[in-house]
């Protein structure tokens, strides 16, 4: 089990973090707000799209997580999440069942599915 870079220790006690059960700790690649379309158009944060899924990087996984590893990219609904701050960095805690897809180079070996 790995811990987030710089986030494995919390508070003054510097206690290590271990994810439990089927929990996954992820980090969003970009802050929510403005984003750019593939054509380069700036989309403001106030222009919200309903039911839009988002990608994040897996930082740590619990012992019962079977389908993903730290470093994988996962697709999830940003409305179904718990946010946590660890040493000034923001992370999201998800359950394995809340993940819709996994993207990782290790999946190319003998697996079928979509290529993203």
N, C-alpha and C. Protein backbone atom coordinates (compact mmCIF):
# COMPACT_ATOMS: atom_id res chain seq x y z
N UNK A 1 0.85 -1.17 0.00
CA UNK A 1 0.00 0.00 0.00
C UNK A 1 0.89 1.22 0.00
N UNK A 2 0.60 2.14 -0.89
CA UNK A 2 1.40 3.35 -0.93
C UNK A 2 0.59 4.49 -0.34
N UNK A 3 1.29 5.49 0.07
CA UNK A 3 0.62 6.68 0.60
C UNK A 3 0.88 7.83 -0.34
N UNK A 4 0.05 8.86 -0.29
CA UNK A 4 0.24 9.99 -1.18
C UNK A 4 1.60 10.64 -0.96
N UNK A 5 2.19 11.11 -2.04
CA UNK A 5 3.47 11.79 -1.92
C UNK A 5 3.31 13.00 -1.02
N UNK A 6 4.11 13.09 -0.01
CA UNK A 6 4.04 14.22 0.90
C UNK A 6 2.83 14.18 1.81
N UNK A 7 1.97 13.18 1.66
CA UNK A 7 0.75 13.14 2.46
C UNK A 7 0.70 11.88 3.32
N UNK A 8 1.72 11.10 3.33
CA UNK A 8 1.73 9.88 4.12
C UNK A 8 1.76 10.15 5.61
N UNK A 9 2.11 11.36 5.98
CA UNK A 9 2.18 11.72 7.38
C UNK A 9 1.26 12.89 7.62
N UNK A 10 0.51 12.83 8.71
CA UNK A 10 -0.45 13.89 8.98
C UNK A 10 -0.16 14.55 10.31
N UNK A 11 -0.52 15.82 10.39
CA UNK A 11 -0.44 16.55 11.64
C UNK A 11 0.95 16.59 12.24
N UNK A 12 1.02 16.98 13.50
CA UNK A 12 2.30 17.07 14.20
C UNK A 12 2.82 15.69 14.57
N UNK A 13 1.92 14.70 14.70
CA UNK A 13 2.33 13.36 15.09
C UNK A 13 2.97 12.58 13.95
N UNK A 14 2.77 13.05 12.71
CA UNK A 14 3.31 12.41 11.52
C UNK A 14 2.92 10.93 11.45
N UNK A 15 1.62 10.66 11.56
CA UNK A 15 1.09 9.31 11.49
C UNK A 15 0.89 8.89 10.04
N UNK A 16 1.25 7.66 9.68
CA UNK A 16 1.02 7.19 8.31
C UNK A 16 -0.47 6.98 8.04
N UNK A 17 -0.84 7.09 6.77
CA UNK A 17 -2.22 6.90 6.34
C UNK A 17 -2.34 5.56 5.65
N UNK A 18 -3.37 4.79 5.98
CA UNK A 18 -3.66 3.52 5.32
C UNK A 18 -5.13 3.52 4.94
N UNK A 19 -5.41 3.31 3.66
CA UNK A 19 -6.80 3.25 3.21
C UNK A 19 -7.37 1.90 3.65
N UNK A 20 -8.65 1.89 4.01
CA UNK A 20 -9.30 0.68 4.51
C UNK A 20 -10.32 0.14 3.50
N UNK A 21 -10.57 -1.15 3.59
CA UNK A 21 -11.59 -1.85 2.81
C UNK A 21 -11.49 -1.56 1.32
N UNK A 22 -12.58 -1.09 0.72
CA UNK A 22 -12.60 -0.85 -0.73
C UNK A 22 -12.47 0.62 -1.06
N UNK A 23 -11.82 1.38 -0.21
CA UNK A 23 -11.67 2.82 -0.42
C UNK A 23 -10.46 3.13 -1.30
N UNK A 24 -10.60 4.21 -2.09
CA UNK A 24 -9.56 4.64 -3.01
C UNK A 24 -9.33 6.13 -2.79
N UNK A 25 -8.08 6.52 -2.68
CA UNK A 25 -7.72 7.93 -2.54
C UNK A 25 -7.22 8.40 -3.90
N UNK A 26 -7.87 9.45 -4.45
CA UNK A 26 -7.50 9.95 -5.77
C UNK A 26 -7.20 11.44 -5.71
N UNK A 27 -6.45 11.88 -6.71
CA UNK A 27 -6.10 13.31 -6.84
C UNK A 27 -6.60 13.77 -8.20
N UNK A 28 -7.34 14.87 -8.19
CA UNK A 28 -7.82 15.46 -9.44
C UNK A 28 -6.64 16.11 -10.15
N UNK A 29 -6.59 15.95 -11.46
CA UNK A 29 -5.48 16.52 -12.23
C UNK A 29 -5.54 18.03 -12.28
N UNK A 30 -6.71 18.58 -12.43
CA UNK A 30 -6.84 20.03 -12.50
C UNK A 30 -7.93 20.47 -11.54
N UNK A 31 -7.78 21.69 -11.08
CA UNK A 31 -8.78 22.22 -10.16
C UNK A 31 -10.09 22.41 -10.91
N UNK A 32 -11.18 22.24 -10.18
CA UNK A 32 -12.48 22.46 -10.79
C UNK A 32 -12.60 23.94 -11.10
N UNK A 33 -13.25 24.23 -12.16
CA UNK A 33 -13.39 25.62 -12.57
C UNK A 33 -13.27 25.70 -14.07
N UNK A 34 -12.50 26.66 -14.53
CA UNK A 34 -12.35 26.84 -15.97
C UNK A 34 -11.64 25.65 -16.58
N UNK A 35 -12.03 25.31 -17.79
CA UNK A 35 -11.37 24.24 -18.53
C UNK A 35 -11.41 24.59 -20.00
N UNK A 36 -10.60 23.91 -20.78
CA UNK A 36 -10.54 24.17 -22.23
C UNK A 36 -11.09 22.97 -22.99
N UNK A 37 -11.83 23.26 -24.05
CA UNK A 37 -12.32 22.21 -24.92
C UNK A 37 -11.17 21.73 -25.80
N UNK A 38 -11.38 20.65 -26.54
CA UNK A 38 -10.34 20.14 -27.42
C UNK A 38 -10.02 21.13 -28.54
N UNK A 39 -10.94 22.03 -28.85
CA UNK A 39 -10.71 23.06 -29.86
C UNK A 39 -10.06 24.31 -29.30
N UNK A 40 -9.79 24.34 -27.99
CA UNK A 40 -9.13 25.48 -27.37
C UNK A 40 -10.06 26.53 -26.82
N UNK A 41 -11.36 26.27 -26.82
CA UNK A 41 -12.31 27.24 -26.29
C UNK A 41 -12.32 27.17 -24.78
N UNK A 42 -12.23 28.32 -24.11
CA UNK A 42 -12.25 28.38 -22.65
C UNK A 42 -13.68 28.26 -22.16
N UNK A 43 -13.95 27.27 -21.31
CA UNK A 43 -15.29 27.05 -20.76
C UNK A 43 -15.27 27.48 -19.30
N UNK A 44 -16.03 28.52 -18.92
CA UNK A 44 -15.99 29.01 -17.54
C UNK A 44 -16.61 28.02 -16.55
N UNK A 45 -16.26 28.18 -15.29
CA UNK A 45 -16.76 27.29 -14.25
C UNK A 45 -18.27 27.39 -14.09
N UNK A 46 -18.85 28.52 -14.46
CA UNK A 46 -20.29 28.69 -14.29
C UNK A 46 -21.09 27.91 -15.33
N UNK A 47 -20.46 27.48 -16.41
CA UNK A 47 -21.14 26.68 -17.44
C UNK A 47 -21.02 25.22 -17.06
N UNK A 48 -21.95 24.75 -16.25
CA UNK A 48 -21.91 23.38 -15.76
C UNK A 48 -22.68 22.45 -16.69
N UNK A 49 -22.14 21.27 -16.85
CA UNK A 49 -22.82 20.25 -17.63
C UNK A 49 -23.33 19.20 -16.65
N UNK A 50 -24.56 18.77 -16.85
CA UNK A 50 -25.11 17.79 -15.93
C UNK A 50 -24.55 16.41 -16.21
N UNK A 51 -24.39 15.63 -15.18
CA UNK A 51 -23.97 14.23 -15.27
C UNK A 51 -22.64 14.05 -16.02
N UNK A 52 -21.70 14.95 -15.84
CA UNK A 52 -20.40 14.84 -16.49
C UNK A 52 -19.44 14.08 -15.57
N UNK A 53 -18.86 12.99 -16.08
CA UNK A 53 -17.88 12.22 -15.33
C UNK A 53 -16.51 12.87 -15.48
N UNK A 54 -15.60 12.58 -14.55
CA UNK A 54 -14.27 13.18 -14.59
C UNK A 54 -13.20 12.14 -14.29
N UNK A 55 -11.96 12.43 -14.68
CA UNK A 55 -10.83 11.54 -14.47
C UNK A 55 -10.00 12.02 -13.31
N UNK A 56 -9.38 11.09 -12.60
CA UNK A 56 -8.46 11.41 -11.50
C UNK A 56 -7.41 10.31 -11.41
N UNK A 57 -6.30 10.62 -10.75
CA UNK A 57 -5.21 9.65 -10.58
C UNK A 57 -5.33 8.96 -9.22
N UNK A 58 -5.20 7.64 -9.21
CA UNK A 58 -5.24 6.88 -7.97
C UNK A 58 -3.93 7.10 -7.22
N UNK A 59 -4.04 7.46 -5.94
CA UNK A 59 -2.87 7.70 -5.11
C UNK A 59 -2.64 6.55 -4.15
N UNK A 60 -3.73 6.02 -3.57
CA UNK A 60 -3.63 4.91 -2.62
C UNK A 60 -4.91 4.09 -2.69
N UNK A 61 -4.79 2.79 -2.40
CA UNK A 61 -5.95 1.90 -2.42
C UNK A 61 -6.00 1.07 -1.14
N UNK A 62 -7.21 0.69 -0.75
CA UNK A 62 -7.40 -0.18 0.40
C UNK A 62 -7.09 -1.63 0.04
N UNK A 63 -7.02 -2.51 1.03
CA UNK A 63 -6.64 -3.90 0.79
C UNK A 63 -7.66 -4.70 -0.01
N UNK A 64 -8.93 -4.29 -0.05
CA UNK A 64 -9.95 -5.03 -0.78
C UNK A 64 -10.21 -4.51 -2.19
N UNK A 65 -9.43 -3.55 -2.64
CA UNK A 65 -9.57 -3.03 -4.00
C UNK A 65 -8.88 -3.99 -4.96
N UNK A 66 -9.62 -4.47 -5.97
CA UNK A 66 -9.09 -5.49 -6.87
C UNK A 66 -8.69 -4.96 -8.24
N UNK A 67 -9.37 -3.93 -8.75
CA UNK A 67 -9.24 -3.58 -10.15
C UNK A 67 -8.31 -2.41 -10.45
N UNK A 68 -7.74 -1.77 -9.45
CA UNK A 68 -6.88 -0.62 -9.72
C UNK A 68 -5.70 -0.56 -8.78
N UNK A 69 -4.69 0.18 -9.21
CA UNK A 69 -3.45 0.33 -8.46
C UNK A 69 -3.07 1.81 -8.44
N UNK A 70 -2.21 2.22 -7.52
CA UNK A 70 -1.74 3.61 -7.55
C UNK A 70 -1.10 3.94 -8.88
N UNK A 71 -1.41 5.11 -9.40
CA UNK A 71 -0.91 5.55 -10.70
C UNK A 71 -1.92 5.39 -11.82
N UNK A 72 -2.96 4.57 -11.63
CA UNK A 72 -4.00 4.40 -12.65
C UNK A 72 -4.86 5.65 -12.72
N UNK A 73 -5.50 5.85 -13.86
CA UNK A 73 -6.49 6.91 -14.04
C UNK A 73 -7.87 6.27 -13.91
N UNK A 74 -8.75 6.90 -13.16
CA UNK A 74 -10.10 6.36 -12.96
C UNK A 74 -11.15 7.40 -13.34
N UNK A 75 -12.28 6.91 -13.86
CA UNK A 75 -13.40 7.74 -14.26
C UNK A 75 -14.50 7.60 -13.23
N UNK A 76 -14.99 8.72 -12.70
CA UNK A 76 -16.02 8.67 -11.66
C UNK A 76 -16.93 9.89 -11.75
N UNK A 77 -18.04 9.83 -11.05
CA UNK A 77 -18.99 10.94 -10.97
C UNK A 77 -18.54 11.89 -9.86
N UNK A 78 -18.20 13.13 -10.18
CA UNK A 78 -17.69 14.04 -9.16
C UNK A 78 -18.72 14.44 -8.10
N UNK A 79 -19.99 14.13 -8.34
CA UNK A 79 -21.01 14.44 -7.34
C UNK A 79 -21.03 13.43 -6.20
N UNK A 80 -20.51 12.21 -6.44
CA UNK A 80 -20.50 11.14 -5.43
C UNK A 80 -19.09 11.02 -4.85
N UNK A 81 -18.72 11.94 -3.98
CA UNK A 81 -17.36 11.90 -3.47
C UNK A 81 -17.26 12.53 -2.08
N UNK A 82 -16.16 12.21 -1.41
CA UNK A 82 -15.82 12.82 -0.13
C UNK A 82 -14.46 13.47 -0.31
N UNK A 83 -14.35 14.74 0.03
CA UNK A 83 -13.09 15.45 -0.11
C UNK A 83 -12.35 15.47 1.22
N UNK A 84 -11.01 15.42 1.13
CA UNK A 84 -10.18 15.47 2.33
C UNK A 84 -8.92 16.27 2.00
N UNK A 85 -8.43 17.02 2.97
CA UNK A 85 -7.19 17.76 2.81
C UNK A 85 -6.12 17.12 3.68
N UNK A 86 -4.98 16.81 3.08
CA UNK A 86 -3.87 16.21 3.80
C UNK A 86 -2.64 17.06 3.55
N UNK A 87 -2.14 17.70 4.60
CA UNK A 87 -0.95 18.56 4.53
C UNK A 87 -1.04 19.57 3.40
N UNK A 88 -2.20 20.20 3.26
CA UNK A 88 -2.40 21.25 2.28
C UNK A 88 -2.78 20.79 0.89
N UNK A 89 -2.79 19.49 0.63
CA UNK A 89 -3.19 18.97 -0.68
C UNK A 89 -4.59 18.38 -0.59
N UNK A 90 -5.40 18.61 -1.62
CA UNK A 90 -6.77 18.10 -1.65
C UNK A 90 -6.83 16.76 -2.36
N UNK A 91 -7.54 15.81 -1.75
CA UNK A 91 -7.74 14.48 -2.29
C UNK A 91 -9.22 14.14 -2.22
N UNK A 92 -9.60 13.08 -2.92
CA UNK A 92 -10.98 12.61 -2.90
C UNK A 92 -10.97 11.13 -2.51
N UNK A 93 -11.90 10.74 -1.65
CA UNK A 93 -12.04 9.35 -1.25
C UNK A 93 -13.27 8.77 -1.96
N UNK A 94 -13.06 7.64 -2.64
CA UNK A 94 -14.13 6.96 -3.37
C UNK A 94 -14.20 5.51 -2.94
N UNK A 95 -15.29 4.85 -3.26
CA UNK A 95 -15.40 3.40 -3.10
C UNK A 95 -15.15 2.77 -4.46
N UNK A 96 -14.67 1.53 -4.47
CA UNK A 96 -14.38 0.87 -5.74
C UNK A 96 -15.62 0.79 -6.62
N UNK A 97 -16.78 0.60 -6.03
CA UNK A 97 -18.01 0.47 -6.83
C UNK A 97 -18.43 1.79 -7.48
N UNK A 98 -17.85 2.93 -7.04
CA UNK A 98 -18.17 4.23 -7.63
C UNK A 98 -17.34 4.53 -8.87
N UNK A 99 -16.39 3.67 -9.20
CA UNK A 99 -15.53 3.88 -10.36
C UNK A 99 -16.19 3.29 -11.59
N UNK A 100 -16.24 4.07 -12.68
CA UNK A 100 -16.88 3.62 -13.92
C UNK A 100 -15.88 3.00 -14.90
N UNK A 101 -14.61 3.44 -14.87
CA UNK A 101 -13.61 2.91 -15.80
C UNK A 101 -12.22 3.14 -15.23
N UNK A 102 -11.28 2.31 -15.68
CA UNK A 102 -9.88 2.42 -15.28
C UNK A 102 -9.04 2.51 -16.55
N UNK A 103 -8.10 3.45 -16.58
CA UNK A 103 -7.17 3.57 -17.71
C UNK A 103 -5.76 3.44 -17.17
N UNK A 104 -5.03 2.44 -17.67
CA UNK A 104 -3.65 2.21 -17.24
C UNK A 104 -2.91 1.45 -18.32
N UNK A 105 -1.62 1.74 -18.47
CA UNK A 105 -0.84 1.05 -19.50
C UNK A 105 -0.74 -0.45 -19.22
N UNK A 106 -0.81 -0.85 -17.95
CA UNK A 106 -0.71 -2.27 -17.61
C UNK A 106 -1.91 -3.07 -18.10
N UNK A 107 -3.01 -2.43 -18.43
CA UNK A 107 -4.22 -3.11 -18.89
C UNK A 107 -4.11 -3.57 -20.34
N UNK A 108 -3.14 -3.10 -21.07
CA UNK A 108 -3.00 -3.45 -22.49
C UNK A 108 -2.61 -4.90 -22.70
N UNK A 109 -2.02 -5.53 -21.71
CA UNK A 109 -1.55 -6.90 -21.84
C UNK A 109 -2.70 -7.89 -21.72
N UNK A 110 -3.20 -8.37 -22.84
CA UNK A 110 -4.20 -9.43 -22.85
C UNK A 110 -5.59 -9.06 -22.39
N UNK A 111 -5.90 -7.78 -22.29
CA UNK A 111 -7.24 -7.41 -21.87
C UNK A 111 -8.02 -6.87 -23.06
N UNK A 112 -9.31 -6.91 -22.95
CA UNK A 112 -10.17 -6.37 -24.00
C UNK A 112 -10.85 -5.14 -23.47
N UNK A 113 -11.37 -4.34 -24.35
CA UNK A 113 -12.09 -3.16 -23.93
C UNK A 113 -11.77 -1.97 -24.81
N UNK A 114 -12.17 -0.82 -24.36
CA UNK A 114 -11.96 0.40 -25.12
C UNK A 114 -10.54 0.91 -24.93
N UNK A 115 -10.04 1.56 -25.94
CA UNK A 115 -8.73 2.20 -25.84
C UNK A 115 -8.96 3.69 -25.77
N UNK A 116 -8.61 4.28 -24.63
CA UNK A 116 -8.87 5.71 -24.43
C UNK A 116 -7.64 6.53 -24.72
